[in-house]
């Protein structure tokens, strides 16, 4: 996963979960193979986690393994932007200052 500091696009979206709805901002990244959520956002928003049946390695743009290790959990969330509503899996890891990355599955 590669995030350029010069060329990025963030969009607002409504995140619905069992406690209600909250407005959030996500980084759009067409190069990300999955959707991601920052582990700190999971705690702050009190989102439920689900354990993956197997862990998933995360690779950086230079093909090295992410220093935070493999992903073991995900959040199953309903994402709404405008009239578009989709249930999406967000893999939980440390993604820096962004709380959400919407990757290829969202596009």
PDB file of N, CA and C in Angstrom:
ATOM      1  N   UNK A   1       0.852  -1.160   0.000  1.00  0.00           N
ATOM      2  CA  UNK A   1       0.000   0.000   0.000  1.00  0.00           C
ATOM      3  C   UNK A   1       0.900   1.225   0.000  1.00  0.00           C
ATOM      4  N   UNK A   2       0.669   2.139  -0.873  1.00  0.00           N
ATOM      5  CA  UNK A   2       1.472   3.346  -0.983  1.00  0.00           C
ATOM      6  C   UNK A   2       0.570   4.562  -0.873  1.00  0.00           C
ATOM      7  N   UNK A   3       0.965   5.507  -0.071  1.00  0.00           N
ATOM      8  CA  UNK A   3       0.203   6.742   0.091  1.00  0.00           C
ATOM      9  C   UNK A   3       1.135   7.913  -0.185  1.00  0.00           C
ATOM     10  N   UNK A   4       0.847   8.650  -1.222  1.00  0.00           N
ATOM     11  CA  UNK A   4       1.637   9.825  -1.559  1.00  0.00           C
ATOM     12  C   UNK A   4       1.130  11.017  -0.766  1.00  0.00           C
ATOM     13  N   UNK A   5       2.028  11.813  -0.248  1.00  0.00           N
ATOM     14  CA  UNK A   5       1.631  12.998   0.500  1.00  0.00           C
ATOM     15  C   UNK A   5       1.195  14.129  -0.436  1.00  0.00           C
ATOM     16  N   UNK A   6       1.563  14.066  -1.718  1.00  0.00           N
ATOM     17  CA  UNK A   6       1.204  15.124  -2.657  1.00  0.00           C
ATOM     18  C   UNK A   6      -0.099  14.845  -3.389  1.00  0.00           C
ATOM     19  N   UNK A   7      -0.320  13.606  -3.750  1.00  0.00           N
ATOM     20  CA  UNK A   7      -1.464  13.261  -4.582  1.00  0.00           C
ATOM     21  C   UNK A   7      -2.410  12.339  -3.827  1.00  0.00           C
ATOM     22  N   UNK A   8      -3.365  12.921  -3.157  1.00  0.00           N
ATOM     23  CA  UNK A   8      -4.339  12.104  -2.451  1.00  0.00           C
ATOM     24  C   UNK A   8      -5.698  12.771  -2.517  1.00  0.00           C
ATOM     25  N   UNK A   9      -6.711  11.987  -2.301  1.00  0.00           N
ATOM     26  CA  UNK A   9      -8.075  12.477  -2.334  1.00  0.00           C
ATOM     27  C   UNK A   9      -8.802  11.918  -1.126  1.00  0.00           C
ATOM     28  N   UNK A  10      -9.378  12.806  -0.334  1.00  0.00           N
ATOM     29  CA  UNK A  10     -10.158  12.388   0.821  1.00  0.00           C
ATOM     30  C   UNK A  10     -11.610  12.744   0.581  1.00  0.00           C
ATOM     31  N   UNK A  11     -12.514  11.839   1.004  1.00  0.00           N
ATOM     32  CA  UNK A  11     -13.939  12.092   0.839  1.00  0.00           C
ATOM     33  C   UNK A  11     -14.656  11.886   2.170  1.00  0.00           C
ATOM     34  N   UNK A  12     -15.705  12.661   2.402  1.00  0.00           N
ATOM     35  CA  UNK A  12     -16.525  12.424   3.593  1.00  0.00           C
ATOM     36  C   UNK A  12     -17.502  11.285   3.313  1.00  0.00           C
ATOM     37  N   UNK A  13     -17.835  10.542   4.352  1.00  0.00           N
ATOM     38  CA  UNK A  13     -18.842   9.497   4.231  1.00  0.00           C
ATOM     39  C   UNK A  13     -19.489   9.276   5.589  1.00  0.00           C
ATOM     40  N   UNK A  14     -20.679   8.705   5.564  1.00  0.00           N
ATOM     41  CA  UNK A  14     -21.393   8.369   6.794  1.00  0.00           C
ATOM     42  C   UNK A  14     -21.119   6.913   7.125  1.00  0.00           C
ATOM     43  N   UNK A  15     -20.667   6.666   8.325  1.00  0.00           N
ATOM     44  CA  UNK A  15     -20.373   5.316   8.789  1.00  0.00           C
ATOM     45  C   UNK A  15     -21.489   4.882   9.732  1.00  0.00           C
ATOM     46  N   UNK A  16     -22.176   3.819   9.391  1.00  0.00           N
ATOM     47  CA  UNK A  16     -23.253   3.291  10.229  1.00  0.00           C
ATOM     48  C   UNK A  16     -22.761   2.056  10.957  1.00  0.00           C
ATOM     49  N   UNK A  17     -23.024   2.002  12.258  1.00  0.00           N
ATOM     50  CA  UNK A  17     -22.691   0.830  13.054  1.00  0.00           C
ATOM     51  C   UNK A  17     -23.724   0.694  14.153  1.00  0.00           C
ATOM     52  N   UNK A  18     -23.565  -0.306  15.006  1.00  0.00           N
ATOM     53  CA  UNK A  18     -24.610  -0.626  15.983  1.00  0.00           C
ATOM     54  C   UNK A  18     -24.936   0.514  16.945  1.00  0.00           C
ATOM     55  N   UNK A  19     -24.035   1.486  17.096  1.00  0.00           N
ATOM     56  CA  UNK A  19     -24.298   2.606  17.996  1.00  0.00           C
ATOM     57  C   UNK A  19     -24.880   3.814  17.273  1.00  0.00           C
ATOM     58  N   UNK A  20     -25.068   3.703  15.977  1.00  0.00           N
ATOM     59  CA  UNK A  20     -25.626   4.815  15.223  1.00  0.00           C
ATOM     60  C   UNK A  20     -24.812   5.148  13.993  1.00  0.00           C
ATOM     61  N   UNK A  21     -24.752   6.427  13.675  1.00  0.00           N
ATOM     62  CA  UNK A  21     -24.069   6.887  12.478  1.00  0.00           C
ATOM     63  C   UNK A  21     -23.135   8.025  12.830  1.00  0.00           C
ATOM     64  N   UNK A  22     -21.971   8.071  12.195  1.00  0.00           N
ATOM     65  CA  UNK A  22     -20.998   9.125  12.442  1.00  0.00           C
ATOM     66  C   UNK A  22     -20.349   9.510  11.117  1.00  0.00           C
ATOM     67  N   UNK A  23     -20.117  10.798  10.943  1.00  0.00           N
ATOM     68  CA  UNK A  23     -19.441  11.289   9.738  1.00  0.00           C
ATOM     69  C   UNK A  23     -17.942  11.064   9.874  1.00  0.00           C
ATOM     70  N   UNK A  24     -17.328  10.553   8.831  1.00  0.00           N
ATOM     71  CA  UNK A  24     -15.892  10.286   8.810  1.00  0.00           C
ATOM     72  C   UNK A  24     -15.309  10.756   7.486  1.00  0.00           C
ATOM     73  N   UNK A  25     -13.998  10.721   7.385  1.00  0.00           N
ATOM     74  CA  UNK A  25     -13.298  11.037   6.147  1.00  0.00           C
ATOM     75  C   UNK A  25     -12.405   9.859   5.801  1.00  0.00           C
ATOM     76  N   UNK A  26     -12.379   9.500   4.532  1.00  0.00           N
ATOM     77  CA  UNK A  26     -11.556   8.382   4.081  1.00  0.00           C
ATOM     78  C   UNK A  26     -10.615   8.828   2.980  1.00  0.00           C
ATOM     79  N   UNK A  27      -9.454   8.222   2.971  1.00  0.00           N
ATOM     80  CA  UNK A  27      -8.500   8.419   1.894  1.00  0.00           C
ATOM     81  C   UNK A  27      -8.852   7.439   0.784  1.00  0.00           C
ATOM     82  N   UNK A  28      -9.021   7.926  -0.439  1.00  0.00           N
ATOM     83  CA  UNK A  28      -9.258   7.049  -1.583  1.00  0.00           C
ATOM     84  C   UNK A  28      -7.915   6.608  -2.134  1.00  0.00           C
ATOM     85  N   UNK A  29      -7.757   5.307  -2.321  1.00  0.00           N
ATOM     86  CA  UNK A  29      -6.491   4.783  -2.821  1.00  0.00           C
ATOM     87  C   UNK A  29      -6.789   3.628  -3.769  1.00  0.00           C
ATOM     88  N   UNK A  30      -6.782   3.917  -5.066  1.00  0.00           N
ATOM     89  CA  UNK A  30      -7.086   2.890  -6.060  1.00  0.00           C
ATOM     90  C   UNK A  30      -5.992   1.832  -6.133  1.00  0.00           C
ATOM     91  N   UNK A  31      -4.843   2.089  -5.540  1.00  0.00           N
ATOM     92  CA  UNK A  31      -3.763   1.107  -5.521  1.00  0.00           C
ATOM     93  C   UNK A  31      -3.837   0.149  -4.343  1.00  0.00           C
ATOM     94  N   UNK A  32      -4.692   0.453  -3.363  1.00  0.00           N
ATOM     95  CA  UNK A  32      -4.857  -0.434  -2.204  1.00  0.00           C
ATOM     96  C   UNK A  32      -5.754  -1.597  -2.612  1.00  0.00           C
ATOM     97  N   UNK A  33      -5.346  -2.810  -2.304  1.00  0.00           N
ATOM     98  CA  UNK A  33      -6.101  -3.981  -2.730  1.00  0.00           C
ATOM     99  C   UNK A  33      -7.309  -4.267  -1.849  1.00  0.00           C
ATOM    100  N   UNK A  34      -7.382  -3.626  -0.684  1.00  0.00           N
ATOM    101  CA  UNK A  34      -8.493  -3.832   0.247  1.00  0.00           C
ATOM    102  C   UNK A  34      -8.865  -2.499   0.883  1.00  0.00           C
ATOM    103  N   UNK A  35      -9.907  -2.498   1.719  1.00  0.00           N
ATOM    104  CA  UNK A  35     -10.251  -1.363   2.559  1.00  0.00           C
ATOM    105  C   UNK A  35      -9.581  -1.557   3.910  1.00  0.00           C
ATOM    106  N   UNK A  36      -9.129  -0.462   4.520  1.00  0.00           N
ATOM    107  CA  UNK A  36      -8.423  -0.545   5.795  1.00  0.00           C
ATOM    108  C   UNK A  36      -9.000   0.451   6.789  1.00  0.00           C
ATOM    109  N   UNK A  37      -8.909   0.097   8.056  1.00  0.00           N
ATOM    110  CA  UNK A  37      -9.297   0.986   9.143  1.00  0.00           C
ATOM    111  C   UNK A  37      -8.163   0.995  10.153  1.00  0.00           C
ATOM    112  N   UNK A  38      -7.891   2.170  10.683  1.00  0.00           N
ATOM    113  CA  UNK A  38      -6.834   2.311  11.678  1.00  0.00           C
ATOM    114  C   UNK A  38      -7.281   1.665  12.983  1.00  0.00           C
ATOM    115  N   UNK A  39      -6.394   0.926  13.615  1.00  0.00           N
ATOM    116  CA  UNK A  39      -6.741   0.246  14.872  1.00  0.00           C
ATOM    117  C   UNK A  39      -7.172   1.238  15.955  1.00  0.00           C
ATOM    118  N   UNK A  40      -6.642   2.443  15.940  1.00  0.00           N
ATOM    119  CA  UNK A  40      -7.057   3.452  16.923  1.00  0.00           C
ATOM    120  C   UNK A  40      -8.487   3.923  16.674  1.00  0.00           C
ATOM    121  N   UNK A  41      -8.915   3.980  15.417  1.00  0.00           N
ATOM    122  CA  UNK A  41     -10.287   4.366  15.087  1.00  0.00           C
ATOM    123  C   UNK A  41     -11.275   3.306  15.568  1.00  0.00           C
ATOM    124  N   UNK A  42     -10.876   2.044  15.481  1.00  0.00           N
ATOM    125  CA  UNK A  42     -11.735   0.958  15.964  1.00  0.00           C
ATOM    126  C   UNK A  42     -12.033   1.149  17.445  1.00  0.00           C
ATOM    127  N   UNK A  43     -10.996   1.470  18.210  1.00  0.00           N
ATOM    128  CA  UNK A  43     -11.150   1.685  19.649  1.00  0.00           C
ATOM    129  C   UNK A  43     -11.981   2.929  19.923  1.00  0.00           C
ATOM    130  N   UNK A  44     -11.657   4.030  19.255  1.00  0.00           N
ATOM    131  CA  UNK A  44     -12.352   5.304  19.484  1.00  0.00           C
ATOM    132  C   UNK A  44     -13.836   5.219  19.139  1.00  0.00           C
ATOM    133  N   UNK A  45     -14.162   4.555  18.035  1.00  0.00           N
ATOM    134  CA  UNK A  45     -15.545   4.452  17.586  1.00  0.00           C
ATOM    135  C   UNK A  45     -16.276   3.259  18.197  1.00  0.00           C
ATOM    136  N   UNK A  46     -15.558   2.479  18.994  1.00  0.00           N
ATOM    137  CA  UNK A  46     -16.120   1.282  19.655  1.00  0.00           C
ATOM    138  C   UNK A  46     -16.765   0.338  18.656  1.00  0.00           C
ATOM    139  N   UNK A  47     -16.015   0.048  17.612  1.00  0.00           N
ATOM    140  CA  UNK A  47     -16.506  -0.860  16.582  1.00  0.00           C
ATOM    141  C   UNK A  47     -16.179  -2.302  16.955  1.00  0.00           C
ATOM    142  N   UNK A  48     -17.039  -3.188  16.569  1.00  0.00           N
ATOM    143  CA  UNK A  48     -16.806  -4.604  16.827  1.00  0.00           C
ATOM    144  C   UNK A  48     -15.804  -5.182  15.843  1.00  0.00           C
ATOM    145  N   UNK A  49     -15.010  -6.088  16.321  1.00  0.00           N
ATOM    146  CA  UNK A  49     -14.015  -6.763  15.484  1.00  0.00           C
ATOM    147  C   UNK A  49     -14.437  -8.197  15.225  1.00  0.00           C
ATOM    148  N   UNK A  50     -14.033  -8.696  14.084  1.00  0.00           N
ATOM    149  CA  UNK A  50     -14.214 -10.110  13.763  1.00  0.00           C
ATOM    150  C   UNK A  50     -12.841 -10.670  13.423  1.00  0.00           C
ATOM    151  N   UNK A  51     -12.586 -11.878  13.907  1.00  0.00           N
ATOM    152  CA  UNK A  51     -11.293 -12.516  13.655  1.00  0.00           C
ATOM    153  C   UNK A  51     -11.314 -13.177  12.282  1.00  0.00           C
ATOM    154  N   UNK A  52     -10.246 -12.942  11.524  1.00  0.00           N
ATOM    155  CA  UNK A  52     -10.104 -13.596  10.236  1.00  0.00           C
ATOM    156  C   UNK A  52      -9.804 -15.082  10.453  1.00  0.00           C
ATOM    157  N   UNK A  53     -10.262 -15.944   9.566  1.00  0.00           N
ATOM    158  CA  UNK A  53      -9.936 -17.369   9.704  1.00  0.00           C
ATOM    159  C   UNK A  53      -8.443 -17.642   9.502  1.00  0.00           C
ATOM    160  N   UNK A  54      -7.764 -16.725   8.837  1.00  0.00           N
ATOM    161  CA  UNK A  54      -6.313 -16.815   8.631  1.00  0.00           C
ATOM    162  C   UNK A  54      -5.773 -15.397   8.559  1.00  0.00           C
ATOM    163  N   UNK A  55      -4.543 -15.204   8.990  1.00  0.00           N
ATOM    164  CA  UNK A  55      -3.968 -13.855   8.965  1.00  0.00           C
ATOM    165  C   UNK A  55      -3.561 -13.480   7.541  1.00  0.00           C
ATOM    166  N   UNK A  56      -3.563 -12.164   7.284  1.00  0.00           N
ATOM    167  CA  UNK A  56      -3.213 -11.640   5.955  1.00  0.00           C
ATOM    168  C   UNK A  56      -1.960 -10.777   6.062  1.00  0.00           C
ATOM    169  N   UNK A  57      -0.948 -11.079   5.282  1.00  0.00           N
ATOM    170  CA  UNK A  57       0.226 -10.207   5.280  1.00  0.00           C
ATOM    171  C   UNK A  57      -0.085  -8.899   4.560  1.00  0.00           C
ATOM    172  N   UNK A  58       0.584  -7.831   4.970  1.00  0.00           N
ATOM    173  CA  UNK A  58       0.434  -6.528   4.326  1.00  0.00           C
ATOM    174  C   UNK A  58       1.794  -6.119   3.807  1.00  0.00           C
ATOM    175  N   UNK A  59       1.836  -5.720   2.551  1.00  0.00           N
ATOM    176  CA  UNK A  59       3.083  -5.318   1.916  1.00  0.00           C
ATOM    177  C   UNK A  59       3.079  -3.829   1.603  1.00  0.00           C
ATOM    178  N   UNK A  60       4.220  -3.209   1.725  1.00  0.00           N
ATOM    179  CA  UNK A  60       4.364  -1.802   1.371  1.00  0.00           C
ATOM    180  C   UNK A  60       4.689  -1.684  -0.107  1.00  0.00           C
ATOM    181  N   UNK A  61       4.803  -0.468  -0.598  1.00  0.00           N
ATOM    182  CA  UNK A  61       5.042  -0.231  -2.022  1.00  0.00           C
ATOM    183  C   UNK A  61       6.350  -0.856  -2.504  1.00  0.00           C
ATOM    184  N   UNK A  62       7.337  -1.021  -1.622  1.00  0.00           N
ATOM    185  CA  UNK A  62       8.607  -1.638  -2.032  1.00  0.00           C
ATOM    186  C   UNK A  62       8.607  -3.153  -1.828  1.00  0.00           C
ATOM    187  N   UNK A  63       7.430  -3.732  -1.631  1.00  0.00           N
ATOM    188  CA  UNK A  63       7.221  -5.176  -1.473  1.00  0.00           C
ATOM    189  C   UNK A  63       7.739  -5.751  -0.163  1.00  0.00           C
ATOM    190  N   UNK A  64       8.075  -4.895   0.791  1.00  0.00           N
ATOM    191  CA  UNK A  64       8.484  -5.402   2.106  1.00  0.00           C
ATOM    192  C   UNK A  64       7.244  -5.583   2.976  1.00  0.00           C
ATOM    193  N   UNK A  65       7.362  -6.444   3.981  1.00  0.00           N
ATOM    194  CA  UNK A  65       6.250  -6.696   4.904  1.00  0.00           C
ATOM    195  C   UNK A  65       6.031  -5.457   5.781  1.00  0.00           C
ATOM    196  N   UNK A  66       4.780  -5.097   5.996  1.00  0.00           N
ATOM    197  CA  UNK A  66       4.433  -3.978   6.861  1.00  0.00           C
ATOM    198  C   UNK A  66       4.992  -4.223   8.260  1.00  0.00           C
ATOM    199  N   UNK A  67       5.564  -3.215   8.861  1.00  0.00           N
ATOM    200  CA  UNK A  67       6.211  -3.366  10.169  1.00  0.00           C
ATOM    201  C   UNK A  67       5.236  -3.692  11.287  1.00  0.00           C
ATOM    202  N   UNK A  68       3.939  -3.491  11.069  1.00  0.00           N
ATOM    203  CA  UNK A  68       2.941  -3.802  12.091  1.00  0.00           C
ATOM    204  C   UNK A  68       2.489  -5.255  12.057  1.00  0.00           C
ATOM    205  N   UNK A  69       3.066  -6.023  11.167  1.00  0.00           N
ATOM    206  CA  UNK A  69       2.741  -7.447  11.113  1.00  0.00           C
ATOM    207  C   UNK A  69       1.509  -7.747  10.286  1.00  0.00           C
ATOM    208  N   UNK A  70       1.061  -8.970  10.398  1.00  0.00           N
ATOM    209  CA  UNK A  70      -0.072  -9.434   9.615  1.00  0.00           C
ATOM    210  C   UNK A  70      -1.396  -8.961  10.211  1.00  0.00           C
ATOM    211  N   UNK A  71      -2.401  -8.911   9.367  1.00  0.00           N
ATOM    212  CA  UNK A  71      -3.738  -8.512   9.802  1.00  0.00           C
ATOM    213  C   UNK A  71      -4.477  -9.744  10.279  1.00  0.00           C
ATOM    214  N   UNK A  72      -5.069  -9.629  11.455  1.00  0.00           N
ATOM    215  CA  UNK A  72      -5.776 -10.758  12.059  1.00  0.00           C
ATOM    216  C   UNK A  72      -7.265 -10.491  12.268  1.00  0.00           C
ATOM    217  N   UNK A  73      -7.690  -9.220  12.133  1.00  0.00           N
ATOM    218  CA  UNK A  73      -9.081  -8.856  12.394  1.00  0.00           C
ATOM    219  C   UNK A  73      -9.616  -7.905  11.327  1.00  0.00           C
ATOM    220  N   UNK A  74     -10.929  -7.855  11.246  1.00  0.00           N
ATOM    221  CA  UNK A  74     -11.587  -6.920  10.338  1.00  0.00           C
ATOM    222  C   UNK A  74     -12.865  -6.398  10.985  1.00  0.00           C
ATOM    223  N   UNK A  75     -13.374  -5.298  10.442  1.00  0.00           N
ATOM    224  CA  UNK A  75     -14.673  -4.749  10.821  1.00  0.00           C
ATOM    225  C   UNK A  75     -15.586  -4.880   9.614  1.00  0.00           C
ATOM    226  N   UNK A  76     -16.804  -5.296   9.838  1.00  0.00           N
ATOM    227  CA  UNK A  76     -17.815  -5.402   8.795  1.00  0.00           C
ATOM    228  C   UNK A  76     -18.714  -4.182   8.944  1.00  0.00           C
ATOM    229  N   UNK A  77     -18.582  -3.205   8.032  1.00  0.00           N
ATOM    230  CA  UNK A  77     -19.253  -1.914   8.195  1.00  0.00           C
ATOM    231  C   UNK A  77     -20.104  -1.567   6.991  1.00  0.00           C
ATOM    232  N   UNK A  78     -21.134  -0.772   7.235  1.00  0.00           N
ATOM    233  CA  UNK A  78     -21.982  -0.255   6.175  1.00  0.00           C
ATOM    234  C   UNK A  78     -21.527   1.160   5.857  1.00  0.00           C
ATOM    235  N   UNK A  79     -21.111   1.394   4.622  1.00  0.00           N
ATOM    236  CA  UNK A  79     -20.598   2.691   4.195  1.00  0.00           C
ATOM    237  C   UNK A  79     -21.606   3.324   3.243  1.00  0.00           C
ATOM    238  N   UNK A  80     -21.902   4.599   3.504  1.00  0.00           N
ATOM    239  CA  UNK A  80     -22.848   5.321   2.662  1.00  0.00           C
ATOM    240  C   UNK A  80     -22.208   6.616   2.201  1.00  0.00           C
ATOM    241  N   UNK A  81     -22.292   6.848   0.881  1.00  0.00           N
ATOM    242  CA  UNK A  81     -21.886   8.129   0.320  1.00  0.00           C
ATOM    243  C   UNK A  81     -22.952   8.514  -0.693  1.00  0.00           C
ATOM    244  N   UNK A  82     -23.627   9.603  -0.420  1.00  0.00           N
ATOM    245  CA  UNK A  82     -24.760   9.976  -1.259  1.00  0.00           C
ATOM    246  C   UNK A  82     -25.840   8.915  -1.127  1.00  0.00           C
ATOM    247  N   UNK A  83     -26.333   8.402  -2.242  1.00  0.00           N
ATOM    248  CA  UNK A  83     -27.347   7.346  -2.230  1.00  0.00           C
ATOM    249  C   UNK A  83     -26.731   5.949  -2.269  1.00  0.00           C
ATOM    250  N   UNK A  84     -25.432   5.870  -2.392  1.00  0.00           N
ATOM    251  CA  UNK A  84     -24.733   4.584  -2.495  1.00  0.00           C
ATOM    252  C   UNK A  84     -24.480   4.015  -1.099  1.00  0.00           C
ATOM    253  N   UNK A  85     -24.961   2.774  -0.848  1.00  0.00           N
ATOM    254  CA  UNK A  85     -24.774   2.095   0.429  1.00  0.00           C
ATOM    255  C   UNK A  85     -24.179   0.723   0.175  1.00  0.00           C
ATOM    256  N   UNK A  86     -23.062   0.431   0.809  1.00  0.00           N
ATOM    257  CA  UNK A  86     -22.411  -0.858   0.627  1.00  0.00           C
ATOM    258  C   UNK A  86     -21.889  -1.403   1.947  1.00  0.00           C
ATOM    259  N   UNK A  87     -22.045  -2.699   2.152  1.00  0.00           N
ATOM    260  CA  UNK A  87     -21.414  -3.358   3.295  1.00  0.00           C
ATOM    261  C   UNK A  87     -20.002  -3.727   2.847  1.00  0.00           C
ATOM    262  N   UNK A  88     -19.030  -3.279   3.624  1.00  0.00           N
ATOM    263  CA  UNK A  88     -17.628  -3.473   3.256  1.00  0.00           C
ATOM    264  C   UNK A  88     -16.838  -4.037   4.438  1.00  0.00           C
ATOM    265  N   UNK A  89     -15.863  -4.858   4.139  1.00  0.00           N
ATOM    266  CA  UNK A  89     -14.897  -5.311   5.144  1.00  0.00           C
ATOM    267  C   UNK A  89     -13.766  -4.300   5.187  1.00  0.00           C
ATOM    268  N   UNK A  90     -13.356  -3.942   6.393  1.00  0.00           N
ATOM    269  CA  UNK A  90     -12.203  -3.070   6.609  1.00  0.00           C
ATOM    270  C   UNK A  90     -11.199  -3.842   7.449  1.00  0.00           C
ATOM    271  N   UNK A  91     -10.022  -4.059   6.905  1.00  0.00           N
ATOM    272  CA  UNK A  91      -8.974  -4.769   7.619  1.00  0.00           C
ATOM    273  C   UNK A  91      -8.307  -3.828   8.616  1.00  0.00           C
ATOM    274  N   UNK A  92      -8.128  -4.308   9.841  1.00  0.00           N
ATOM    275  CA  UNK A  92      -7.643  -3.485  10.946  1.00  0.00           C
ATOM    276  C   UNK A  92      -6.118  -3.547  11.010  1.00  0.00           C
ATOM    277  N   UNK A  93      -5.499  -2.363  10.937  1.00  0.00           N
ATOM    278  CA  UNK A  93      -4.051  -2.238  11.052  1.00  0.00           C
ATOM    279  C   UNK A  93      -3.723  -0.779  11.358  1.00  0.00           C
ATOM    280  N   UNK A  94      -2.471  -0.498  11.569  1.00  0.00           N
ATOM    281  CA  UNK A  94      -2.034   0.886  11.782  1.00  0.00           C
ATOM    282  C   UNK A  94      -1.755   1.496  10.413  1.00  0.00           C
ATOM    283  N   UNK A  95      -2.558   2.484  10.024  1.00  0.00           N
ATOM    284  CA  UNK A  95      -2.380   3.121   8.718  1.00  0.00           C
ATOM    285  C   UNK A  95      -1.963   4.576   8.856  1.00  0.00           C
ATOM    286  N   UNK A  96      -1.369   4.907   9.984  1.00  0.00           N
ATOM    287  CA  UNK A  96      -0.867   6.265  10.170  1.00  0.00           C
ATOM    288  C   UNK A  96      -1.950   7.224  10.600  1.00  0.00           C
ATOM    289  N   UNK A  97      -1.921   8.434  10.029  1.00  0.00           N
ATOM    290  CA  UNK A  97      -2.837   9.489  10.483  1.00  0.00           C
ATOM    291  C   UNK A  97      -4.248   9.348   9.940  1.00  0.00           C
ATOM    292  N   UNK A  98      -4.449   8.565   8.902  1.00  0.00           N
ATOM    293  CA  UNK A  98      -5.784   8.372   8.340  1.00  0.00           C
ATOM    294  C   UNK A  98      -6.529   7.297   9.129  1.00  0.00           C
ATOM    295  N   UNK A  99      -7.839   7.479   9.285  1.00  0.00           N
ATOM    296  CA  UNK A  99      -8.644   6.468   9.963  1.00  0.00           C
ATOM    297  C   UNK A  99      -9.150   5.399   9.011  1.00  0.00           C
ATOM    298  N   UNK A 100      -9.415   5.788   7.755  1.00  0.00           N
ATOM    299  CA  UNK A 100      -9.962   4.852   6.776  1.00  0.00           C
ATOM    300  C   UNK A 100      -9.237   4.996   5.449  1.00  0.00           C
ATOM    301  N   UNK A 101      -9.042   3.876   4.790  1.00  0.00           N
ATOM    302  CA  UNK A 101      -8.584   3.872   3.402  1.00  0.00           C
ATOM    303  C   UNK A 101      -9.604   3.061   2.626  1.00  0.00           C
ATOM    304  N   UNK A 102     -10.191   3.689   1.620  1.00  0.00           N
ATOM    305  CA  UNK A 102     -11.086   2.986   0.722  1.00  0.00           C
ATOM    306  C   UNK A 102     -10.278   2.568  -0.496  1.00  0.00           C
ATOM    307  N   UNK A 103     -10.133   1.280  -0.660  1.00  0.00           N
ATOM    308  CA  UNK A 103      -9.324   0.737  -1.743  1.00  0.00           C
ATOM    309  C   UNK A 103     -10.170   0.148  -2.861  1.00  0.00           C
ATOM    310  N   UNK A 104      -9.557  -0.764  -3.575  1.00  0.00           N
ATOM    311  CA  UNK A 104     -10.156  -1.361  -4.759  1.00  0.00           C
ATOM    312  C   UNK A 104     -11.578  -1.898  -4.545  1.00  0.00           C
ATOM    313  N   UNK A 105     -11.887  -2.611  -3.452  1.00  0.00           N
ATOM    314  CA  UNK A 105     -13.256  -3.125  -3.284  1.00  0.00           C
ATOM    315  C   UNK A 105     -14.321  -2.036  -3.284  1.00  0.00           C
ATOM    316  N   UNK A 106     -13.975  -0.852  -2.804  1.00  0.00           N
ATOM    317  CA  UNK A 106     -14.935   0.234  -2.765  1.00  0.00           C
ATOM    318  C   UNK A 106     -15.179   0.797  -4.163  1.00  0.00           C
ATOM    319  N   UNK A 107     -14.113   0.854  -4.962  1.00  0.00           N
ATOM    320  CA  UNK A 107     -14.232   1.401  -6.315  1.00  0.00           C
ATOM    321  C   UNK A 107     -15.075   0.492  -7.177  1.00  0.00           C
TER     322      UNK A 107
END
